[in-house]
Amino acid sequence: MRLPLSHVIAAARSAQHHAARAARSLGPAHPMARRLLALAAATAVVAWEAGHLVDDIHPRTRDRRG
């Protein structure tokens, strides 16, 4: 069963996806990509301060053992 995401986590993921796409297509030094990267960082901070862990924003997709 998959639980619904907190709106803070959803916003952080969305901001990070937009920033990654912009950095990939425009280059990381482009002003728009830099703004989106800053926004993604700010939303990650909000999620962290709301008590969410990094794994909440970036869940593990596979077992990382050995």
PDB file of N, CA and C in Angstrom:
ATOM      1  N   MET A   1       0.837  -1.178   0.000  1.00  0.00           N
ATOM      2  CA  MET A   1       0.000   0.000   0.000  1.00  0.00           C
ATOM      3  C   MET A   1       0.885   1.245   0.000  1.00  0.00           C
ATOM      4  N   ARG A   2       0.622   2.166  -0.895  1.00  0.00           N
ATOM      5  CA  ARG A   2       1.399   3.393  -0.987  1.00  0.00           C
ATOM      6  C   ARG A   2       0.647   4.527  -0.291  1.00  0.00           C
ATOM      7  N   LEU A   3       1.305   5.175   0.651  1.00  0.00           N
ATOM      8  CA  LEU A   3       0.689   6.277   1.376  1.00  0.00           C
ATOM      9  C   LEU A   3       0.787   7.562   0.567  1.00  0.00           C
ATOM     10  N   PRO A   4      -0.168   8.466   0.701  1.00  0.00           N
ATOM     11  CA  PRO A   4      -0.090   9.729  -0.037  1.00  0.00           C
ATOM     12  C   PRO A   4       1.082  10.575   0.444  1.00  0.00           C
ATOM     13  N   LEU A   5       1.676  11.327  -0.475  1.00  0.00           N
ATOM     14  CA  LEU A   5       2.808  12.171  -0.132  1.00  0.00           C
ATOM     15  C   LEU A   5       2.352  13.451   0.553  1.00  0.00           C
ATOM     16  N   SER A   6       3.153  13.907   1.445  1.00  0.00           N
ATOM     17  CA  SER A   6       2.911  15.216   2.038  1.00  0.00           C
ATOM     18  C   SER A   6       3.075  16.260   0.940  1.00  0.00           C
ATOM     19  N   HIS A   7       2.328  17.349   1.025  1.00  0.00           N
ATOM     20  CA  HIS A   7       2.446  18.388   0.004  1.00  0.00           C
ATOM     21  C   HIS A   7       3.846  19.005   0.004  1.00  0.00           C
ATOM     22  N   VAL A   8       4.524  18.991   1.149  1.00  0.00           N
ATOM     23  CA  VAL A   8       5.887  19.522   1.223  1.00  0.00           C
ATOM     24  C   VAL A   8       6.840  18.627   0.432  1.00  0.00           C
ATOM     25  N   ILE A   9       6.684  17.327   0.583  1.00  0.00           N
ATOM     26  CA  ILE A   9       7.529  16.382  -0.153  1.00  0.00           C
ATOM     27  C   ILE A   9       7.239  16.474  -1.647  1.00  0.00           C
ATOM     28  N   ALA A  10       5.984  16.552  -2.011  1.00  0.00           N
ATOM     29  CA  ALA A  10       5.620  16.668  -3.425  1.00  0.00           C
ATOM     30  C   ALA A  10       6.206  17.936  -4.038  1.00  0.00           C
ATOM     31  N   ALA A  11       6.170  19.038  -3.311  1.00  0.00           N
ATOM     32  CA  ALA A  11       6.735  20.296  -3.816  1.00  0.00           C
ATOM     33  C   ALA A  11       8.252  20.186  -3.966  1.00  0.00           C
ATOM     34  N   ALA A  12       8.912  19.556  -3.004  1.00  0.00           N
ATOM     35  CA  ALA A  12      10.366  19.399  -3.073  1.00  0.00           C
ATOM     36  C   ALA A  12      10.764  18.527  -4.254  1.00  0.00           C
ATOM     37  N   ARG A  13      10.055  17.428  -4.450  1.00  0.00           N
ATOM     38  CA  ARG A  13      10.359  16.554  -5.594  1.00  0.00           C
ATOM     39  C   ARG A  13      10.137  17.267  -6.918  1.00  0.00           C
ATOM     40  N   SER A  14       9.023  17.969  -7.017  1.00  0.00           N
ATOM     41  CA  SER A  14       8.702  18.689  -8.247  1.00  0.00           C
ATOM     42  C   SER A  14       9.766  19.742  -8.551  1.00  0.00           C
ATOM     43  N   ALA A  15      10.158  20.508  -7.549  1.00  0.00           N
ATOM     44  CA  ALA A  15      11.182  21.538  -7.747  1.00  0.00           C
ATOM     45  C   ALA A  15      12.502  20.917  -8.176  1.00  0.00           C
ATOM     46  N   GLN A  16      12.858  19.791  -7.595  1.00  0.00           N
ATOM     47  CA  GLN A  16      14.113  19.142  -7.961  1.00  0.00           C
ATOM     48  C   GLN A  16      14.073  18.580  -9.375  1.00  0.00           C
ATOM     49  N   HIS A  17      12.931  18.039  -9.780  1.00  0.00           N
ATOM     50  CA  HIS A  17      12.807  17.524 -11.145  1.00  0.00           C
ATOM     51  C   HIS A  17      12.891  18.658 -12.166  1.00  0.00           C
ATOM     52  N   HIS A  18      12.223  19.779 -11.877  1.00  0.00           N
ATOM     53  CA  HIS A  18      12.281  20.923 -12.783  1.00  0.00           C
ATOM     54  C   HIS A  18      13.707  21.470 -12.882  1.00  0.00           C
ATOM     55  N   ALA A  19      14.382  21.563 -11.761  1.00  0.00           N
ATOM     56  CA  ALA A  19      15.752  22.071 -11.751  1.00  0.00           C
ATOM     57  C   ALA A  19      16.690  21.140 -12.520  1.00  0.00           C
ATOM     58  N   ALA A  20      16.515  19.843 -12.333  1.00  0.00           N
ATOM     59  CA  ALA A  20      17.364  18.884 -13.042  1.00  0.00           C
ATOM     60  C   ALA A  20      17.148  18.963 -14.552  1.00  0.00           C
ATOM     61  N   ARG A  21      15.886  19.081 -14.969  1.00  0.00           N
ATOM     62  CA  ARG A  21      15.598  19.212 -16.404  1.00  0.00           C
ATOM     63  C   ARG A  21      16.204  20.488 -16.980  1.00  0.00           C
ATOM     64  N   ALA A  22      16.067  21.583 -16.252  1.00  0.00           N
ATOM     65  CA  ALA A  22      16.621  22.858 -16.729  1.00  0.00           C
ATOM     66  C   ALA A  22      18.143  22.793 -16.797  1.00  0.00           C
ATOM     67  N   ALA A  23      18.768  22.233 -15.788  1.00  0.00           N
ATOM     68  CA  ALA A  23      20.230  22.125 -15.790  1.00  0.00           C
ATOM     69  C   ALA A  23      20.719  21.230 -16.922  1.00  0.00           C
ATOM     70  N   ARG A  24      19.961  20.169 -17.217  1.00  0.00           N
ATOM     71  CA  ARG A  24      20.331  19.262 -18.297  1.00  0.00           C
ATOM     72  C   ARG A  24      20.176  19.930 -19.661  1.00  0.00           C
ATOM     73  N   SER A  25      19.095  20.660 -19.848  1.00  0.00           N
ATOM     74  CA  SER A  25      18.829  21.215 -21.172  1.00  0.00           C
ATOM     75  C   SER A  25      19.500  22.568 -21.408  1.00  0.00           C
ATOM     76  N   LEU A  26      19.597  23.399 -20.367  1.00  0.00           N
ATOM     77  CA  LEU A  26      20.165  24.737 -20.522  1.00  0.00           C
ATOM     78  C   LEU A  26      21.613  24.834 -20.062  1.00  0.00           C
ATOM     79  N   GLY A  27      22.018  23.913 -19.219  1.00  0.00           N
ATOM     80  CA  GLY A  27      23.335  23.965 -18.598  1.00  0.00           C
ATOM     81  C   GLY A  27      23.198  24.526 -17.187  1.00  0.00           C
ATOM     82  N   PRO A  28      24.007  24.053 -16.266  1.00  0.00           N
ATOM     83  CA  PRO A  28      23.865  24.462 -14.864  1.00  0.00           C
ATOM     84  C   PRO A  28      24.204  25.931 -14.603  1.00  0.00           C
ATOM     85  N   ALA A  29      24.908  26.588 -15.512  1.00  0.00           N
ATOM     86  CA  ALA A  29      25.270  27.991 -15.307  1.00  0.00           C
ATOM     87  C   ALA A  29      24.212  28.958 -15.844  1.00  0.00           C
ATOM     88  N   HIS A  30      23.212  28.452 -16.542  1.00  0.00           N
ATOM     89  CA  HIS A  30      22.171  29.311 -17.094  1.00  0.00           C
ATOM     90  C   HIS A  30      21.379  29.949 -15.943  1.00  0.00           C
ATOM     91  N   PRO A  31      21.025  31.234 -16.075  1.00  0.00           N
ATOM     92  CA  PRO A  31      20.314  31.916 -14.981  1.00  0.00           C
ATOM     93  C   PRO A  31      19.018  31.222 -14.554  1.00  0.00           C
ATOM     94  N   MET A  32      18.238  30.715 -15.487  1.00  0.00           N
ATOM     95  CA  MET A  32      16.989  30.038 -15.114  1.00  0.00           C
ATOM     96  C   MET A  32      17.278  28.733 -14.372  1.00  0.00           C
ATOM     97  N   ALA A  33      18.267  27.989 -14.834  1.00  0.00           N
ATOM     98  CA  ALA A  33      18.630  26.749 -14.153  1.00  0.00           C
ATOM     99  C   ALA A  33      19.115  27.049 -12.733  1.00  0.00           C
ATOM    100  N   ARG A  34      19.883  28.106 -12.585  1.00  0.00           N
ATOM    101  CA  ARG A  34      20.387  28.473 -11.254  1.00  0.00           C
ATOM    102  C   ARG A  34      19.243  28.869 -10.322  1.00  0.00           C
ATOM    103  N   ARG A  35      18.257  29.594 -10.851  1.00  0.00           N
ATOM    104  CA  ARG A  35      17.096  29.968 -10.026  1.00  0.00           C
ATOM    105  C   ARG A  35      16.314  28.741  -9.595  1.00  0.00           C
ATOM    106  N   LEU A  36      16.126  27.814 -10.540  1.00  0.00           N
ATOM    107  CA  LEU A  36      15.383  26.600 -10.204  1.00  0.00           C
ATOM    108  C   LEU A  36      16.153  25.722  -9.223  1.00  0.00           C
ATOM    109  N   LEU A  37      17.474  25.676  -9.345  1.00  0.00           N
ATOM    110  CA  LEU A  37      18.276  24.927  -8.382  1.00  0.00           C
ATOM    111  C   LEU A  37      18.174  25.551  -6.993  1.00  0.00           C
ATOM    112  N   ALA A  38      18.167  26.880  -6.926  1.00  0.00           N
ATOM    113  CA  ALA A  38      18.009  27.560  -5.635  1.00  0.00           C
ATOM    114  C   ALA A  38      16.622  27.285  -5.044  1.00  0.00           C
ATOM    115  N   LEU A  39      15.603  27.290  -5.887  1.00  0.00           N
ATOM    116  CA  LEU A  39      14.245  26.987  -5.423  1.00  0.00           C
ATOM    117  C   LEU A  39      14.157  25.548  -4.909  1.00  0.00           C
ATOM    118  N   ALA A  40      14.794  24.632  -5.618  1.00  0.00           N
ATOM    119  CA  ALA A  40      14.791  23.233  -5.180  1.00  0.00           C
ATOM    120  C   ALA A  40      15.475  23.091  -3.822  1.00  0.00           C
ATOM    121  N   ALA A  41      16.571  23.797  -3.639  1.00  0.00           N
ATOM    122  CA  ALA A  41      17.265  23.752  -2.352  1.00  0.00           C
ATOM    123  C   ALA A  41      16.385  24.323  -1.247  1.00  0.00           C
ATOM    124  N   ALA A  42      15.698  25.410  -1.543  1.00  0.00           N
ATOM    125  CA  ALA A  42      14.828  26.037  -0.537  1.00  0.00           C
ATOM    126  C   ALA A  42      13.668  25.117  -0.159  1.00  0.00           C
ATOM    127  N   THR A  43      13.076  24.435  -1.137  1.00  0.00           N
ATOM    128  CA  THR A  43      11.967  23.529  -0.807  1.00  0.00           C
ATOM    129  C   THR A  43      12.460  22.310  -0.038  1.00  0.00           C
ATOM    130  N   ALA A  44      13.692  21.872  -0.316  1.00  0.00           N
ATOM    131  CA  ALA A  44      14.266  20.755   0.446  1.00  0.00           C
ATOM    132  C   ALA A  44      14.478  21.168   1.903  1.00  0.00           C
ATOM    133  N   VAL A  45      14.895  22.404   2.123  1.00  0.00           N
ATOM    134  CA  VAL A  45      15.073  22.905   3.489  1.00  0.00           C
ATOM    135  C   VAL A  45      13.730  22.951   4.215  1.00  0.00           C
ATOM    136  N   VAL A  46      12.695  23.398   3.528  1.00  0.00           N
ATOM    137  CA  VAL A  46      11.358  23.446   4.144  1.00  0.00           C
ATOM    138  C   VAL A  46      10.911  22.037   4.538  1.00  0.00           C
ATOM    139  N   ALA A  47      11.145  21.068   3.654  1.00  0.00           N
ATOM    140  CA  ALA A  47      10.771  19.683   3.956  1.00  0.00           C
ATOM    141  C   ALA A  47      11.562  19.161   5.155  1.00  0.00           C
ATOM    142  N   TRP A  48      12.855  19.453   5.193  1.00  0.00           N
ATOM    143  CA  TRP A  48      13.707  19.023   6.301  1.00  0.00           C
ATOM    144  C   TRP A  48      13.216  19.635   7.609  1.00  0.00           C
ATOM    145  N   GLU A  49      12.929  20.933   7.579  1.00  0.00           N
ATOM    146  CA  GLU A  49      12.485  21.607   8.796  1.00  0.00           C
ATOM    147  C   GLU A  49      11.092  21.158   9.230  1.00  0.00           C
ATOM    148  N   ALA A  50      10.325  20.602   8.301  1.00  0.00           N
ATOM    149  CA  ALA A  50       9.012  20.057   8.646  1.00  0.00           C
ATOM    150  C   ALA A  50       9.133  18.655   9.244  1.00  0.00           C
ATOM    151  N   GLY A  51      10.353  18.136   9.321  1.00  0.00           N
ATOM    152  CA  GLY A  51      10.574  16.840   9.947  1.00  0.00           C
ATOM    153  C   GLY A  51      10.725  15.677   8.992  1.00  0.00           C
ATOM    154  N   HIS A  52      10.782  15.954   7.695  1.00  0.00           N
ATOM    155  CA  HIS A  52      10.954  14.878   6.718  1.00  0.00           C
ATOM    156  C   HIS A  52      12.433  14.553   6.549  1.00  0.00           C
ATOM    157  N   LEU A  53      12.718  13.315   6.220  1.00  0.00           N
ATOM    158  CA  LEU A  53      14.084  12.867   5.999  1.00  0.00           C
ATOM    159  C   LEU A  53      14.426  12.926   4.517  1.00  0.00           C
ATOM    160  N   VAL A  54      15.706  12.832   4.210  1.00  0.00           N
ATOM    161  CA  VAL A  54      16.145  12.842   2.815  1.00  0.00           C
ATOM    162  C   VAL A  54      15.511  11.672   2.062  1.00  0.00           C
ATOM    163  N   ASP A  55      15.382  10.527   2.707  1.00  0.00           N
ATOM    164  CA  ASP A  55      14.773   9.358   2.056  1.00  0.00           C
ATOM    165  C   ASP A  55      13.303   9.597   1.706  1.00  0.00           C
ATOM    166  N   ASP A  56      12.662  10.565   2.344  1.00  0.00           N
ATOM    167  CA  ASP A  56      11.281  10.892   1.989  1.00  0.00           C
ATOM    168  C   ASP A  56      11.228  11.584   0.628  1.00  0.00           C
ATOM    169  N   ILE A  57      12.234  12.405   0.337  1.00  0.00           N
ATOM    170  CA  ILE A  57      12.290  13.092  -0.954  1.00  0.00           C
ATOM    171  C   ILE A  57      12.891  12.180  -2.015  1.00  0.00           C
ATOM    172  N   HIS A  58      13.918  11.431  -1.630  1.00  0.00           N
ATOM    173  CA  HIS A  58      14.615  10.529  -2.548  1.00  0.00           C
ATOM    174  C   HIS A  58      14.539   9.107  -2.013  1.00  0.00           C
ATOM    175  N   PRO A  59      13.416   8.412  -2.214  1.00  0.00           N
ATOM    176  CA  PRO A  59      13.320   7.050  -1.687  1.00  0.00           C
ATOM    177  C   PRO A  59      14.283   6.115  -2.409  1.00  0.00           C
ATOM    178  N   ARG A  60      14.757   5.146  -1.682  1.00  0.00           N
ATOM    179  CA  ARG A  60      15.656   4.154  -2.291  1.00  0.00           C
ATOM    180  C   ARG A  60      14.869   3.298  -3.265  1.00  0.00           C
ATOM    181  N   THR A  61      15.453   3.063  -4.423  1.00  0.00           N
ATOM    182  CA  THR A  61      14.775   2.259  -5.431  1.00  0.00           C
ATOM    183  C   THR A  61      15.282   0.836  -5.468  1.00  0.00           C
ATOM    184  N   ARG A  62      16.409   0.594  -4.823  1.00  0.00           N
ATOM    185  CA  ARG A  62      16.936  -0.770  -4.786  1.00  0.00           C
ATOM    186  C   ARG A  62      17.753  -0.950  -3.521  1.00  0.00           C
ATOM    187  N   ASP A  63      18.017  -2.181  -3.188  1.00  0.00           N
ATOM    188  CA  ASP A  63      18.803  -2.492  -2.005  1.00  0.00           C
ATOM    189  C   ASP A  63      20.270  -2.154  -2.286  1.00  0.00           C
ATOM    190  N   ARG A  64      20.905  -1.409  -1.402  1.00  0.00           N
ATOM    191  CA  ARG A  64      22.280  -0.966  -1.644  1.00  0.00           C
ATOM    192  C   ARG A  64      23.312  -1.839  -0.938  1.00  0.00           C
ATOM    193  N   ARG A  65      22.921  -3.002  -0.500  1.00  0.00           N
ATOM    194  CA  ARG A  65      23.875  -3.888   0.165  1.00  0.00           C
ATOM    195  C   ARG A  65      24.789  -4.549  -0.863  1.00  0.00           C
ATOM    196  N   GLY A  66      26.039  -4.743  -0.467  1.00  0.00           N
ATOM    197  CA  GLY A  66      27.084  -5.448  -1.112  1.00  0.00           C
ATOM    198  C   GLY A  66      27.083  -5.683  -2.503  1.00  0.00           C
TER     199      GLY A  66
END
